[in-house]
Amino acid sequence: MATSEPSAVAAGQHTVGREVVVEVKALQKYFGRNHVLKGVDLQVHKGEVIVLIGPSGSGKSTFLRCLNFLEDPTTGEISIGGVRVVCGSHGGQFKKDVHQIRMKCGMVFQEFNLFPHKDATENVTEGPMLVKGEKKSDAVEKAHELLTKVGLADRMDFFPSQLSGGQKQRVAIARAMAMDPVLMLFDEPTSALDPELIGEVLKVMKDLAAQGMTMIVVSHEMGFSRDVADRVVYMDDGYFIEQGPPSEVFFHPQDDRTRRFLRHILPEKEPQHAKELGIVEVGQELPDPDAAPLQGPAGAALNEDNLADTAIPEIPLSGGPSGELPLPPGNEEL
């Protein structure tokens, strides 16, 4: 697979390598006559974190599901971890390659999709034992390591009904990681959670990024995107409209559709996420994250809007030849 230069390191959190883990070319998806993906291209390097944003119905979740063939793409090419598939093909080799790509992807959904009759450990060991043929003792040992890593060392024998939403989602992440994926896909993993539980899931995702996991995330969690994403991709109507570092896409978008989404759709549909960007009302100009207050005494005067009182320094006055003092400014009448 071809390689190219990596993108920049994201916010000092993790390093992006040179190896291309994911390459998508001219991917299209039809549902009957509904053209959902319209020839999108994407290249993702090892350790890179991509966040997809865009309005509902733009094709974000469909794109993720096509990557691991939960949906069958209509045409295009998908390469993941060195396995290449020409979409729309048939036959034994095609099925074998699709299976290999699925084995290389871990996916976390909006809903947790845990087995309700199995405890946390059993939910994590199910895939490695049934799909990869791992011994039960090895699978259990790995499950305990992963559950500890996601902060659930004291919940290993708890059933889903005994866990909070955030804990269930962390079990789901451990379950996906148990398959040793080269790529993790997250489809709005915090959208079904109460606000107070979102942080614990995002922390696990940040830790995965710091450990070098390649990730594609559908999310409008702006704080996570700013802190962790190497690239934000704005998607609309089945196209990748604009992409770049979070500081560019969020605060200096180049395309009108991106600007409309950030200035109009976010405040109306997702006010909390808009607030994270500093957009508090529909149509507001995007804030400038680079604008810093002026420093020093003069800067303090300007920033406190008291220029008239303090911007002009007070000049010491000395007496004239006969000891007289000059008139104060503004009272020059003789």
Protein backbone atom coordinates (compact mmCIF):
# COMPACT_ATOMS: atom_id res chain seq x y z
CA MET A 1 0.00 0.00 0.00
CA ALA A 2 1.27 3.44 -0.84
CA THR A 3 2.54 5.61 1.94
CA SER A 4 2.74 9.35 2.27
CA GLU A 5 3.86 11.89 4.80
CA PRO A 6 1.91 11.87 8.04
CA SER A 7 -0.23 14.74 9.20
CA ALA A 8 0.85 16.89 12.12
CA VAL A 9 0.93 15.68 15.70
CA ALA A 10 -2.34 16.57 17.40
CA ALA A 11 -2.07 18.91 20.39
CA GLY A 12 1.04 17.10 21.64
CA GLN A 13 -1.04 14.05 22.58
CA HIS A 14 0.13 11.38 20.17
CA THR A 15 2.34 10.80 17.15
CA VAL A 16 1.05 10.06 13.66
CA GLY A 17 3.15 7.57 11.72
CA ARG A 18 4.03 7.28 8.05
CA GLU A 19 2.22 4.01 7.40
CA VAL A 20 -1.16 4.32 5.65
CA VAL A 21 -3.63 2.15 7.56
CA VAL A 22 -6.80 3.11 5.70
CA GLU A 23 -7.24 4.10 2.06
CA VAL A 24 -10.66 4.71 0.54
CA LYS A 25 -11.09 5.54 -3.13
CA ALA A 26 -14.25 6.74 -4.89
CA LEU A 27 -16.55 5.05 -2.38
CA GLN A 28 -20.22 5.11 -3.37
CA LYS A 29 -23.28 3.69 -1.66
CA TYR A 30 -26.84 3.49 -2.92
CA PHE A 31 -29.89 2.45 -0.93
CA GLY A 32 -32.20 1.79 -3.86
CA ARG A 33 -32.31 5.15 -5.65
CA ASN A 34 -31.02 7.03 -2.64
CA HIS A 35 -27.40 7.99 -3.35
CA VAL A 36 -25.89 8.25 0.14
CA LEU A 37 -22.11 8.24 -0.51
CA LYS A 38 -21.05 10.03 -3.66
CA GLY A 39 -17.48 9.04 -4.37
CA VAL A 40 -15.58 9.89 -1.18
CA ASP A 41 -11.82 9.45 -0.75
CA LEU A 42 -9.88 9.21 2.49
CA GLN A 43 -6.39 8.24 3.59
CA VAL A 44 -5.60 7.66 7.26
CA HIS A 45 -2.12 7.16 8.73
CA LYS A 46 -1.18 4.95 11.63
CA GLY A 47 -2.08 6.62 14.91
CA GLU A 48 -4.18 9.32 13.26
CA VAL A 49 -7.50 10.39 14.77
CA ILE A 50 -10.16 11.54 12.30
CA VAL A 51 -13.42 13.11 13.50
CA LEU A 52 -16.37 13.28 11.09
CA ILE A 53 -18.92 16.04 11.66
CA GLY A 54 -21.94 17.14 9.68
CA PRO A 55 -25.74 17.34 9.78
CA SER A 56 -27.96 14.30 10.23
CA GLY A 57 -28.40 12.35 7.01
CA SER A 58 -25.08 13.47 5.53
CA GLY A 59 -23.74 9.89 5.33
CA LYS A 60 -21.36 9.80 8.33
CA SER A 61 -22.64 6.58 9.93
CA THR A 62 -23.10 4.92 6.55
CA PHE A 63 -19.46 5.67 5.75
CA LEU A 64 -18.31 3.98 8.96
CA ARG A 65 -20.52 0.94 8.36
CA CYS A 66 -19.19 0.60 4.82
CA LEU A 67 -15.60 0.59 6.06
CA ASN A 68 -16.10 -2.70 7.91
CA PHE A 69 -18.77 -3.96 5.50
CA LEU A 70 -21.68 -3.86 7.92
CA GLU A 71 -23.16 -2.19 4.84
CA ASP A 72 -22.10 -3.37 1.39
CA PRO A 73 -20.60 -0.43 -0.53
CA THR A 74 -21.87 -0.17 -4.10
CA THR A 75 -18.59 0.76 -5.81
CA GLY A 76 -15.11 1.95 -4.89
CA GLU A 77 -12.06 0.52 -3.13
CA ILE A 78 -11.33 0.02 0.56
CA SER A 79 -7.91 -0.93 1.95
CA ILE A 80 -7.41 -1.49 5.69
CA GLY A 81 -4.29 -2.90 7.26
CA GLY A 82 -2.92 -4.08 3.92
CA VAL A 83 -6.11 -5.87 2.80
CA ARG A 84 -7.70 -4.38 -0.33
CA VAL A 85 -11.28 -4.95 -1.46
CA VAL A 86 -12.90 -3.80 -4.70
CA CYS A 87 -16.45 -3.03 -3.63
CA GLY A 88 -19.28 -4.69 -5.51
CA SER A 89 -17.22 -7.79 -6.27
CA HIS A 90 -18.26 -11.39 -5.66
CA GLY A 91 -16.71 -14.79 -5.12
CA GLY A 92 -14.67 -16.62 -2.53
CA GLN A 93 -11.66 -14.29 -2.47
CA PHE A 94 -13.91 -11.25 -2.07
CA LYS A 95 -15.64 -12.85 0.93
CA LYS A 96 -12.30 -13.83 2.44
CA ASP A 97 -10.93 -10.29 2.08
CA VAL A 98 -14.09 -8.77 3.57
CA HIS A 99 -13.74 -11.11 6.55
CA GLN A 100 -10.10 -10.03 6.98
CA ILE A 101 -11.07 -6.36 6.95
CA ARG A 102 -13.79 -6.97 9.53
CA MET A 103 -11.21 -8.67 11.75
CA LYS A 104 -9.01 -5.57 11.52
CA CYS A 105 -11.77 -3.17 12.63
CA GLY A 106 -13.26 -2.64 16.05
CA MET A 107 -16.52 -0.73 16.20
CA VAL A 108 -18.35 1.03 19.02
CA PHE A 109 -21.98 1.99 18.35
CA GLN A 110 -24.38 4.56 19.77
CA GLU A 111 -26.12 1.78 21.65
CA PHE A 112 -23.97 -0.61 23.65
CA ASN A 113 -25.18 -3.89 22.10
CA LEU A 114 -23.95 -5.98 25.03
CA PHE A 115 -25.23 -9.49 25.68
CA PRO A 116 -27.63 -8.94 28.61
CA HIS A 117 -27.20 -12.49 29.94
CA LYS A 118 -23.39 -12.28 30.10
CA ASP A 119 -21.26 -10.34 32.57
CA ALA A 120 -18.63 -7.80 31.53
CA THR A 121 -15.84 -10.37 31.24
CA GLU A 122 -17.97 -12.75 29.17
CA ASN A 123 -19.02 -9.94 26.85
CA VAL A 124 -15.35 -9.15 26.18
CA THR A 125 -14.21 -12.78 25.75
CA GLU A 126 -17.02 -13.81 23.37
CA GLY A 127 -15.40 -12.49 20.17
CA PRO A 128 -11.83 -13.70 20.72
CA MET A 129 -13.03 -17.20 21.67
CA LEU A 130 -15.64 -17.70 18.95
CA VAL A 131 -14.10 -15.75 16.07
CA LYS A 132 -10.36 -16.01 16.72
CA GLY A 133 -10.37 -19.36 18.51
CA GLU A 134 -8.47 -18.12 21.58
CA LYS A 135 -8.29 -20.33 24.65
CA LYS A 136 -10.69 -19.33 27.39
CA SER A 137 -7.89 -18.72 29.91
CA ASP A 138 -6.06 -16.41 27.49
CA ALA A 139 -9.26 -14.58 26.52
CA VAL A 140 -10.22 -14.06 30.17
CA GLU A 141 -6.76 -12.74 31.04
CA LYS A 142 -6.91 -10.28 28.15
CA ALA A 143 -10.46 -9.26 29.09
CA HIS A 144 -9.40 -8.47 32.64
CA GLU A 145 -6.48 -6.38 31.38
CA LEU A 146 -8.75 -4.41 29.04
CA LEU A 147 -11.50 -3.90 31.61
CA THR A 148 -8.89 -2.62 34.04
CA LYS A 149 -7.55 -0.28 31.36
CA VAL A 150 -11.01 1.25 30.85
CA GLY A 151 -11.50 1.69 34.60
CA LEU A 152 -13.77 -1.29 35.31
CA ALA A 153 -11.51 -3.49 37.43
CA ASP A 154 -14.25 -3.64 40.09
CA ARG A 155 -17.05 -4.42 37.61
CA MET A 156 -15.68 -7.46 35.77
CA ASP A 157 -18.46 -9.80 36.97
CA PHE A 158 -21.28 -7.27 36.69
CA PHE A 159 -24.09 -7.80 34.18
CA PRO A 160 -25.18 -4.96 31.86
CA SER A 161 -28.30 -4.36 33.98
CA GLN A 162 -25.98 -3.55 36.90
CA LEU A 163 -23.90 -1.01 34.97
CA SER A 164 -24.44 2.66 34.14
CA GLY A 165 -24.56 3.80 30.53
CA GLY A 166 -20.98 5.03 30.65
CA GLN A 167 -19.81 1.74 32.13
CA LYS A 168 -21.64 -0.23 29.44
CA GLN A 169 -19.98 1.83 26.73
CA ARG A 170 -16.58 1.23 28.30
CA VAL A 171 -17.27 -2.51 28.26
CA ALA A 172 -18.17 -2.13 24.57
CA ILE A 173 -14.81 -0.40 23.94
CA ALA A 174 -12.96 -3.19 25.77
CA ARG A 175 -14.88 -5.76 23.72
CA ALA A 176 -13.84 -4.07 20.47
CA MET A 177 -10.21 -3.82 21.61
CA ALA A 178 -10.15 -7.53 22.50
CA MET A 179 -10.09 -8.34 18.78
CA ASP A 180 -6.72 -6.53 18.41
CA PRO A 181 -7.95 -4.15 15.71
CA VAL A 182 -5.71 -1.89 13.64
CA LEU A 183 -8.58 0.60 13.31
CA MET A 184 -11.24 1.67 15.80
CA LEU A 185 -14.54 3.09 14.53
CA PHE A 186 -16.77 5.09 16.88
CA ASP A 187 -20.31 5.97 15.76
CA GLU A 188 -21.42 8.79 18.11
CA PRO A 189 -20.41 6.74 21.16
CA THR A 190 -21.64 9.34 23.68
CA SER A 191 -24.97 10.29 22.10
CA ALA A 192 -27.02 7.85 24.22
CA LEU A 193 -25.34 8.84 27.49
CA ASP A 194 -26.45 11.22 30.20
CA PRO A 195 -24.26 14.35 30.23
CA GLU A 196 -22.52 13.42 33.48
CA LEU A 197 -21.36 10.10 31.98
CA ILE A 198 -19.92 11.41 28.72
CA GLY A 199 -16.58 12.42 30.21
CA GLU A 200 -15.64 8.92 31.38
CA VAL A 201 -16.08 7.50 27.85
CA LEU A 202 -14.21 10.36 26.19
CA LYS A 203 -11.33 9.84 28.63
CA VAL A 204 -10.98 6.21 27.51
CA MET A 205 -11.02 7.34 23.87
CA LYS A 206 -8.34 9.97 24.61
CA ASP A 207 -6.22 7.30 26.28
CA LEU A 208 -6.56 5.07 23.22
CA ALA A 209 -5.41 7.92 20.99
CA ALA A 210 -2.44 8.60 23.27
CA GLN A 211 -1.49 4.92 22.98
CA GLY A 212 -1.36 5.24 19.18
CA MET A 213 -4.67 3.69 18.14
CA THR A 214 -5.87 4.72 14.68
CA MET A 215 -9.43 6.04 15.03
CA ILE A 216 -12.28 7.36 12.92
CA VAL A 217 -14.95 8.96 15.07
CA VAL A 218 -18.39 10.31 14.21
CA SER A 219 -19.03 12.88 16.90
CA HIS A 220 -19.93 16.49 17.64
CA GLU A 221 -18.00 16.49 20.92
CA MET A 222 -16.07 19.64 20.13
CA GLY A 223 -13.81 19.49 23.17
CA PHE A 224 -12.70 15.98 22.22
CA SER A 225 -12.15 17.06 18.62
CA ARG A 226 -10.06 20.06 19.61
CA ASP A 227 -7.94 18.10 22.07
CA VAL A 228 -7.45 14.82 20.22
CA ALA A 229 -8.32 14.97 16.52
CA ASP A 230 -5.57 15.33 13.95
CA ARG A 231 -8.15 16.06 11.28
CA VAL A 232 -11.79 17.10 11.26
CA VAL A 233 -13.81 16.18 8.16
CA TYR A 234 -17.03 18.05 7.47
CA MET A 235 -19.47 15.86 5.55
CA ASP A 236 -22.68 16.91 3.82
CA ASP A 237 -24.97 15.29 1.26
CA GLY A 238 -22.67 12.30 0.75
CA TYR A 239 -19.51 14.33 0.11
CA PHE A 240 -16.44 15.24 2.16
CA ILE A 241 -16.81 19.01 1.88
CA GLU A 242 -13.86 20.22 3.90
CA GLN A 243 -11.13 18.76 6.10
CA GLY A 244 -8.18 19.97 8.11
CA PRO A 245 -6.92 20.52 11.66
CA PRO A 246 -9.67 21.37 14.19
CA SER A 247 -8.34 24.91 14.60
CA GLU A 248 -8.89 25.52 10.88
CA VAL A 249 -12.20 23.72 10.25
CA PHE A 250 -13.94 24.96 13.41
CA PHE A 251 -12.72 28.55 13.48
CA HIS A 252 -11.61 29.35 9.93
CA PRO A 253 -13.82 27.23 7.62
CA GLN A 254 -13.31 27.80 3.91
CA ASP A 255 -16.56 26.40 2.51
CA ASP A 256 -19.93 28.13 2.91
CA ARG A 257 -21.62 24.86 3.87
CA THR A 258 -19.21 24.35 6.75
CA ARG A 259 -19.78 27.90 7.95
CA ARG A 260 -23.58 27.47 7.77
CA PHE A 261 -23.37 24.25 9.76
CA LEU A 262 -21.26 25.81 12.49
CA ARG A 263 -23.16 29.10 12.67
CA HIS A 264 -26.76 27.94 12.18
CA ILE A 265 -27.27 24.20 12.54
CA LEU A 266 -25.12 23.63 15.63
CA PRO A 267 -26.68 26.37 17.81
CA GLU A 268 -30.18 25.26 16.84
CA LYS A 269 -29.80 21.47 16.92
CA GLU A 270 -26.90 20.95 19.32
CA PRO A 271 -26.58 24.04 21.52
CA GLN A 272 -24.25 22.40 24.04
CA HIS A 273 -21.74 21.51 21.34
CA ALA A 274 -22.08 24.97 19.82
CA LYS A 275 -21.39 26.46 23.24
CA GLU A 276 -18.14 24.46 23.37
CA LEU A 277 -17.05 26.41 20.29
CA GLY A 278 -18.14 29.73 21.77
CA ILE A 279 -21.18 30.01 19.47
CA VAL A 280 -24.06 31.05 21.72
CA GLU A 281 -26.64 32.17 19.17
CA VAL A 282 -27.73 31.29 15.65
CA GLY A 283 -25.80 33.18 12.97
CA GLN A 284 -23.10 34.42 15.30
CA GLU A 285 -19.70 35.01 13.74
CA LEU A 286 -17.24 32.28 14.62
CA PRO A 287 -14.98 33.27 17.52
CA ASP A 288 -11.28 33.75 16.90
CA PRO A 289 -9.46 31.23 19.14
CA ASP A 290 -6.15 32.94 18.43
CA ALA A 291 -7.25 36.30 19.79
CA ALA A 292 -5.41 36.83 23.06
CA PRO A 293 -5.77 39.81 25.39
CA LEU A 294 -3.03 42.41 25.19
CA GLN A 295 -0.39 42.09 27.89
CA GLY A 296 1.09 44.67 30.25
CA PRO A 297 -0.39 47.87 31.74
CA ALA A 298 -1.43 49.33 28.37
CA GLY A 299 -3.11 46.05 27.45
CA ALA A 300 -4.93 45.95 30.77
CA ALA A 301 -6.22 49.45 30.14
CA LEU A 302 -7.53 48.54 26.71
CA ASN A 303 -8.98 45.18 27.75
CA GLU A 304 -10.88 46.76 30.65
CA ASP A 305 -12.30 49.41 28.31
CA ASN A 306 -11.01 52.28 30.43
CA LEU A 307 -8.77 53.87 27.83
CA ALA A 308 -9.99 57.38 28.65
CA ASP A 309 -8.83 57.00 32.26
CA THR A 310 -5.51 55.24 31.96
CA ALA A 311 -4.21 55.12 28.42
CA ILE A 312 -2.49 58.54 28.66
CA PRO A 313 0.25 58.42 31.29
CA GLU A 314 0.27 61.08 33.93
CA ILE A 315 3.26 63.44 33.39
CA PRO A 316 4.97 64.88 36.49
CA LEU A 317 4.71 68.68 36.51
CA SER A 318 7.49 71.03 37.53
CA GLY A 319 7.21 74.71 38.44
CA GLY A 320 8.10 77.56 36.08
CA PRO A 321 10.82 80.22 36.64
CA SER A 322 8.67 82.05 39.20
CA GLY A 323 7.35 78.83 40.80
CA GLU A 324 4.03 78.86 38.93
CA LEU A 325 2.49 75.53 37.86
CA PRO A 326 1.13 74.84 34.35
CA LEU A 327 -2.65 74.57 33.99
CA PRO A 328 -4.01 71.01 34.02
CA PRO A 329 -5.04 69.59 30.62
CA GLY A 330 -8.52 70.68 29.55
CA ASN A 331 -8.45 73.97 31.49
CA GLU A 332 -6.33 76.16 29.26
CA GLU A 333 -8.43 79.34 29.48
CA LEU A 334 -6.47 82.36 30.76
